[in-house]
Every structure is written in structure tokens, then in C-alpha cells.
Amino acid sequence: MTTVSVTSLDLAALLCSRVCHDVISPVGAIVNGLEMLDSETDEDTRTVAMDLIKKSATSASARLQFCRLAFGAAGSLSAAIDTGDAENVARGLIKNDRTELRWNGTRSLLRKNTVKLLLNLSLIAASAIPRGGVVDVEFDVEGEAVRLKIEAKGTNARLPHAAAVILVGSEVETIDGHSIQPYYTALLAKDCGMIIRTAASPESIILTATPEGLESSIAQGGHVESRR
């Protein structure tokens, strides 16, 4: 993992900034829609404003629900999370007119940080295909061992620079609002005793997380780099 040092206070502050960044756009759109309703009498314009408010409220709710599960406490420190709940929040955030989410794995109760790792890797994968495409999420549970694989397929698929650097353990000088989420993902992997690997091709990004000391049976394709 990267050697950069981030204090617990800085980690909390940066994660809060990340959440605020995620929700400020739809909340701002809601405010704009309400202002349109307040100032316009034209029915067509008011219909457009109501549509904007509804879509933005749905987006804000989906982002907050995802952030609560992916970044938040989500119950007690030792709580397990239903992967069905994780699927629901992932679909709310990732699935849209341009991106399809395919979720494959037997519904299970998994250790909280394992599910948080799955969600954070899914978010990173989705960000690799800004033009849309398909995000395939897979997890395999064998006793206490869990293997995760997320593949994003789309035009010009590319892992964000901060994620590519941090997830494979390369040194970075600082962590900021753009890199805090992959940094947090790496912390989750460390806590779970898992190693993150990445593989890339022109149309695909694959992220896997495997228990340390075990070969991944689901990692496929491309050159693989390991986080040590």
C-alpha cells in the first residue's frame, strides 16, 4: 500500500468532502428547479422544472444511500451486511441510460468491510467508463474466503490515474479529494487481508481482490499488477 500518511482527522474530512461533492450537484439542481417553479407561470416550463426536481431528488437519494453503505458506519463495528442491500444501492448509483450493472453472486451476509470494499471497487470501475458501458460485479464465497471481481467494459475504458497509482501500491506525495476514495478502498482491502490487482485492455478494466496468499481463480485478462 502507498506510504503516504493520512491522519484519522484528515481521512474523515476528505471522505466528508467526497460525499458532499457527490450530492452537491443534484441538490443544486433541486434548488434551481424550485426557483423555476417559484418564478415561472408557463405550464411547459413548470413541467420541465418538476421533472428536473424529481430526477435530481432520485439521484441525490441514490448517492446518499450508496455513500452511507460504502463509506459510513452501516451499523455496529462488527456488523455484517446483506449483499442484496449492496446490490440495491449499487444499482441506484451506477445503473442509468448509458451504463448497465450486472450483479453475480449468491446473496450472503458478509463482513461489513468486505461489502464496503466490493462497493468501492464497483464505484472505481464505473468511473473508468465515463461514456457508459457494462459493469460486471462478481463475488465468490468459499467458507471464510471471499474473492471479488469487477469488470468495466466500454469505449476507451481507463482507470483514473489516482486509482491506478494507489490501488497497486505506488507512492504518492499527497491524498486529496480526488484520490481519497481509492485510498480508502486500499485501506479496506488491507483490513480485509486482501490484495487488489488490476488488469487493463483498450475496452476493459478489471479489478480483483483476493485473500492474501491465495491465487485468484476469477482474475482474467491483461497484465496484472499486485498491491503489496
Protein backbone atom coordinates (compact mmCIF):
# COMPACT_ATOMS: atom_id res chain seq x y z
CA MET A 1 0.00 0.00 0.00
CA THR A 2 1.09 3.59 -0.55
CA THR A 3 3.38 5.03 2.11
CA VAL A 4 1.66 8.41 2.31
CA SER A 5 0.44 9.17 5.83
CA VAL A 6 -3.11 10.41 6.36
CA THR A 7 -4.30 11.13 9.89
CA SER A 8 -7.70 9.90 11.04
CA LEU A 9 -8.94 13.51 11.14
CA ASP A 10 -7.78 14.14 7.57
CA LEU A 11 -9.34 10.85 6.41
CA ALA A 12 -12.69 11.81 7.95
CA ALA A 13 -12.54 15.31 6.48
CA LEU A 14 -11.61 14.12 3.00
CA LEU A 15 -14.33 11.46 2.96
CA CYS A 16 -16.88 14.08 4.06
CA SER A 17 -15.69 16.31 1.22
CA ARG A 18 -16.11 13.43 -1.20
CA VAL A 19 -19.68 12.79 -0.06
CA CYS A 20 -20.53 16.50 -0.31
CA HIS A 21 -19.04 16.60 -3.82
CA ASP A 22 -21.22 13.66 -4.84
CA VAL A 23 -24.50 15.18 -3.65
CA ILE A 24 -23.99 18.90 -4.25
CA SER A 25 -24.81 18.68 -7.96
CA PRO A 26 -28.27 17.04 -7.66
CA VAL A 27 -29.12 19.16 -4.61
CA GLY A 28 -28.19 22.30 -6.55
CA ALA A 29 -30.39 21.14 -9.42
CA ILE A 30 -33.30 20.72 -6.99
CA VAL A 31 -32.80 24.31 -5.81
CA ASN A 32 -32.76 25.53 -9.42
CA GLY A 33 -35.95 23.63 -10.16
CA LEU A 34 -37.71 25.13 -7.13
CA GLU A 35 -36.64 28.61 -8.20
CA MET A 36 -38.10 27.96 -11.65
CA LEU A 37 -41.39 26.88 -10.11
CA ASP A 38 -41.45 29.98 -7.96
CA SER A 39 -40.81 32.41 -10.80
CA GLU A 40 -42.49 30.81 -13.82
CA THR A 41 -46.17 30.65 -14.73
CA ASP A 42 -45.74 28.92 -18.09
CA GLU A 43 -47.01 25.35 -17.70
CA ASP A 44 -44.43 23.81 -20.03
CA THR A 45 -41.61 25.43 -18.07
CA ARG A 46 -43.12 24.30 -14.77
CA THR A 47 -43.36 20.74 -16.12
CA VAL A 48 -39.67 20.85 -17.02
CA ALA A 49 -38.88 22.17 -13.54
CA MET A 50 -40.85 19.38 -11.84
CA ASP A 51 -39.10 16.77 -13.98
CA LEU A 52 -35.72 18.26 -13.01
CA ILE A 53 -36.65 18.20 -9.32
CA LYS A 54 -37.84 14.57 -9.44
CA LYS A 55 -34.77 13.30 -11.29
CA SER A 56 -32.38 15.26 -9.09
CA ALA A 57 -34.07 14.11 -5.88
CA THR A 58 -33.82 10.49 -7.04
CA SER A 59 -30.14 10.99 -7.89
CA ALA A 60 -29.37 12.64 -4.53
CA SER A 61 -31.13 9.86 -2.64
CA ALA A 62 -29.27 7.14 -4.57
CA ARG A 63 -25.92 8.80 -3.96
CA LEU A 64 -26.57 9.25 -0.25
CA GLN A 65 -27.73 5.65 0.18
CA PHE A 66 -24.63 4.40 -1.62
CA CYS A 67 -22.29 6.62 0.42
CA ARG A 68 -23.92 5.54 3.67
CA LEU A 69 -23.15 1.89 2.92
CA ALA A 70 -19.82 2.34 1.11
CA PHE A 71 -18.28 4.96 3.42
CA GLY A 72 -20.41 5.07 6.58
CA ALA A 73 -20.63 3.00 9.75
CA ALA A 74 -23.63 1.00 8.47
CA GLY A 75 -24.44 -0.40 11.89
CA SER A 76 -22.11 -1.59 14.64
CA LEU A 77 -18.40 -2.00 14.08
CA SER A 78 -18.76 -5.79 13.83
CA ALA A 79 -21.94 -5.80 11.73
CA ALA A 80 -22.40 -7.96 8.64
CA ILE A 81 -24.07 -6.55 5.53
CA ASP A 82 -26.51 -8.28 3.19
CA THR A 83 -25.09 -8.31 -0.32
CA GLY A 84 -28.65 -7.81 -1.54
CA ASP A 85 -28.64 -4.38 0.11
CA ALA A 86 -25.29 -3.66 -1.51
CA GLU A 87 -26.70 -4.60 -4.91
CA ASN A 88 -29.66 -2.26 -4.43
CA VAL A 89 -27.54 0.79 -3.62
CA ALA A 90 -25.08 -0.04 -6.41
CA ARG A 91 -27.90 -0.25 -8.94
CA GLY A 92 -29.32 3.05 -7.72
CA LEU A 93 -25.99 4.80 -8.27
CA ILE A 94 -24.45 3.06 -11.29
CA LYS A 95 -27.32 1.89 -13.50
CA ASN A 96 -28.54 4.55 -15.94
CA ASP A 97 -29.35 5.12 -19.61
CA ARG A 98 -25.69 4.62 -20.59
CA THR A 99 -24.46 2.02 -18.10
CA GLU A 100 -25.72 -1.49 -17.32
CA LEU A 101 -24.90 -3.14 -13.99
CA ARG A 102 -24.75 -6.95 -13.91
CA TRP A 103 -24.52 -8.37 -10.40
CA ASN A 104 -23.45 -12.00 -10.00
CA GLY A 105 -23.10 -13.73 -6.66
CA THR A 106 -25.16 -15.70 -4.18
CA ARG A 107 -26.93 -13.39 -1.75
CA SER A 108 -24.99 -13.59 1.50
CA LEU A 109 -24.25 -11.87 4.78
CA LEU A 110 -20.63 -10.78 4.56
CA ARG A 111 -18.28 -8.92 6.84
CA LYS A 112 -19.08 -5.22 6.65
CA ASN A 113 -15.72 -4.08 5.33
CA THR A 114 -15.74 -6.79 2.66
CA VAL A 115 -19.01 -5.41 1.30
CA LYS A 116 -17.69 -1.87 1.55
CA LEU A 117 -14.64 -2.98 -0.44
CA LEU A 118 -16.92 -4.52 -3.08
CA LEU A 119 -18.92 -1.30 -3.39
CA ASN A 120 -15.87 0.94 -3.56
CA LEU A 121 -14.24 -1.21 -6.24
CA SER A 122 -17.52 -1.10 -8.18
CA LEU A 123 -17.55 2.70 -7.98
CA ILE A 124 -13.96 2.90 -9.21
CA ALA A 125 -14.75 0.53 -12.09
CA ALA A 126 -17.82 2.56 -13.10
CA SER A 127 -15.72 5.74 -13.18
CA ALA A 128 -13.43 4.04 -15.72
CA ILE A 129 -16.17 4.13 -18.39
CA PRO A 130 -17.50 7.72 -18.37
CA ARG A 131 -19.15 7.17 -21.77
CA GLY A 132 -21.10 4.23 -20.40
CA GLY A 133 -20.98 0.50 -20.95
CA VAL A 134 -21.32 -2.53 -18.71
CA VAL A 135 -20.13 -3.09 -15.15
CA ASP A 136 -19.97 -6.77 -14.17
CA VAL A 137 -19.74 -7.38 -10.41
CA GLU A 138 -18.86 -10.89 -9.22
CA PHE A 139 -18.13 -12.30 -5.79
CA ASP A 140 -17.36 -15.85 -4.76
CA VAL A 141 -17.69 -17.06 -1.17
CA GLU A 142 -15.94 -20.24 -0.01
CA GLY A 143 -16.18 -20.56 3.75
CA GLU A 144 -14.38 -17.56 5.21
CA ALA A 145 -12.65 -16.73 1.93
CA VAL A 146 -14.23 -14.17 -0.39
CA ARG A 147 -12.99 -13.29 -3.87
CA LEU A 148 -14.16 -10.15 -5.66
CA LYS A 149 -14.02 -9.29 -9.34
CA ILE A 150 -15.38 -6.17 -11.02
CA GLU A 151 -15.03 -5.56 -14.73
CA ALA A 152 -15.97 -2.36 -16.55
CA LYS A 153 -16.39 -2.64 -20.30
CA GLY A 154 -16.85 0.40 -22.51
CA THR A 155 -15.32 2.67 -25.12
CA ASN A 156 -11.87 3.94 -24.12
CA ALA A 157 -12.08 2.31 -20.70
CA ARG A 158 -9.43 3.84 -18.47
CA LEU A 159 -8.76 3.63 -14.76
CA PRO A 160 -8.48 7.10 -13.18
CA HIS A 161 -4.84 7.99 -12.53
CA ALA A 162 -5.23 8.29 -8.77
CA ALA A 163 -6.89 4.89 -8.52
CA ALA A 164 -4.33 3.24 -10.83
CA VAL A 165 -1.45 4.55 -8.70
CA ILE A 166 -2.88 3.97 -5.25
CA LEU A 167 -4.51 0.57 -5.73
CA VAL A 168 -1.27 -1.04 -6.91
CA GLY A 169 0.72 0.46 -4.04
CA SER A 170 2.79 3.09 -5.86
CA GLU A 171 3.94 6.00 -3.75
CA VAL A 172 2.07 9.29 -3.94
CA GLU A 173 3.02 12.60 -2.39
CA THR A 174 -0.39 13.55 -1.10
CA ILE A 175 -4.00 12.43 -0.82
CA ASP A 176 -6.72 14.88 -1.84
CA GLY A 177 -10.42 14.91 -2.58
CA HIS A 178 -9.87 13.17 -5.92
CA SER A 179 -7.75 10.34 -4.54
CA ILE A 180 -9.34 9.76 -1.13
CA GLN A 181 -11.82 7.15 -2.39
CA PRO A 182 -9.22 4.79 -3.92
CA TYR A 183 -7.03 5.39 -0.85
CA TYR A 184 -9.95 4.40 1.39
CA THR A 185 -10.51 1.35 -0.84
CA ALA A 186 -6.90 0.29 -0.31
CA LEU A 187 -7.36 0.67 3.46
CA LEU A 188 -10.44 -1.57 3.30
CA ALA A 189 -8.50 -4.22 1.37
CA LYS A 190 -5.73 -4.14 3.97
CA ASP A 191 -8.25 -4.53 6.79
CA CYS A 192 -9.84 -7.49 4.98
CA GLY A 193 -6.45 -9.14 4.42
CA MET A 194 -6.92 -8.94 0.66
CA ILE A 195 -4.71 -7.98 -2.27
CA ILE A 196 -6.04 -5.78 -5.06
CA ARG A 197 -4.98 -6.49 -8.63
CA THR A 198 -5.76 -4.54 -11.78
CA ALA A 199 -5.80 -5.52 -15.44
CA ALA A 200 -6.46 -3.29 -18.42
CA SER A 201 -7.20 -3.53 -22.12
CA PRO A 202 -8.47 -0.81 -24.51
CA GLU A 203 -12.09 -1.70 -23.83
CA SER A 204 -11.97 -3.22 -20.36
CA ILE A 205 -10.78 -2.60 -16.81
CA ILE A 206 -10.71 -5.49 -14.33
CA LEU A 207 -10.31 -5.11 -10.58
CA THR A 208 -9.95 -8.13 -8.31
CA ALA A 209 -9.49 -8.52 -4.57
CA THR A 210 -8.26 -11.86 -3.27
CA PRO A 211 -7.27 -13.09 0.22
CA GLU A 212 -3.53 -12.77 0.72
CA GLY A 213 -1.67 -15.99 -0.10
CA LEU A 214 -4.35 -17.36 -2.40
CA GLU A 215 -4.30 -17.36 -6.17
CA SER A 216 -7.33 -15.61 -7.66
CA SER A 217 -9.47 -18.00 -9.65
CA ILE A 218 -11.51 -15.21 -11.17
CA ALA A 219 -8.87 -12.70 -12.32
CA GLN A 220 -8.62 -12.76 -16.10
CA GLY A 221 -7.03 -10.94 -19.00
CA GLY A 222 -4.30 -8.37 -19.45
CA HIS A 223 -1.18 -7.62 -17.46
CA VAL A 224 -1.79 -7.87 -13.73
CA GLU A 225 -0.16 -5.67 -11.13
CA SER A 226 -0.24 -6.52 -7.43
CA ARG A 227 -0.62 -4.26 -4.40
CA ARG A 228 1.91 -5.37 -1.82
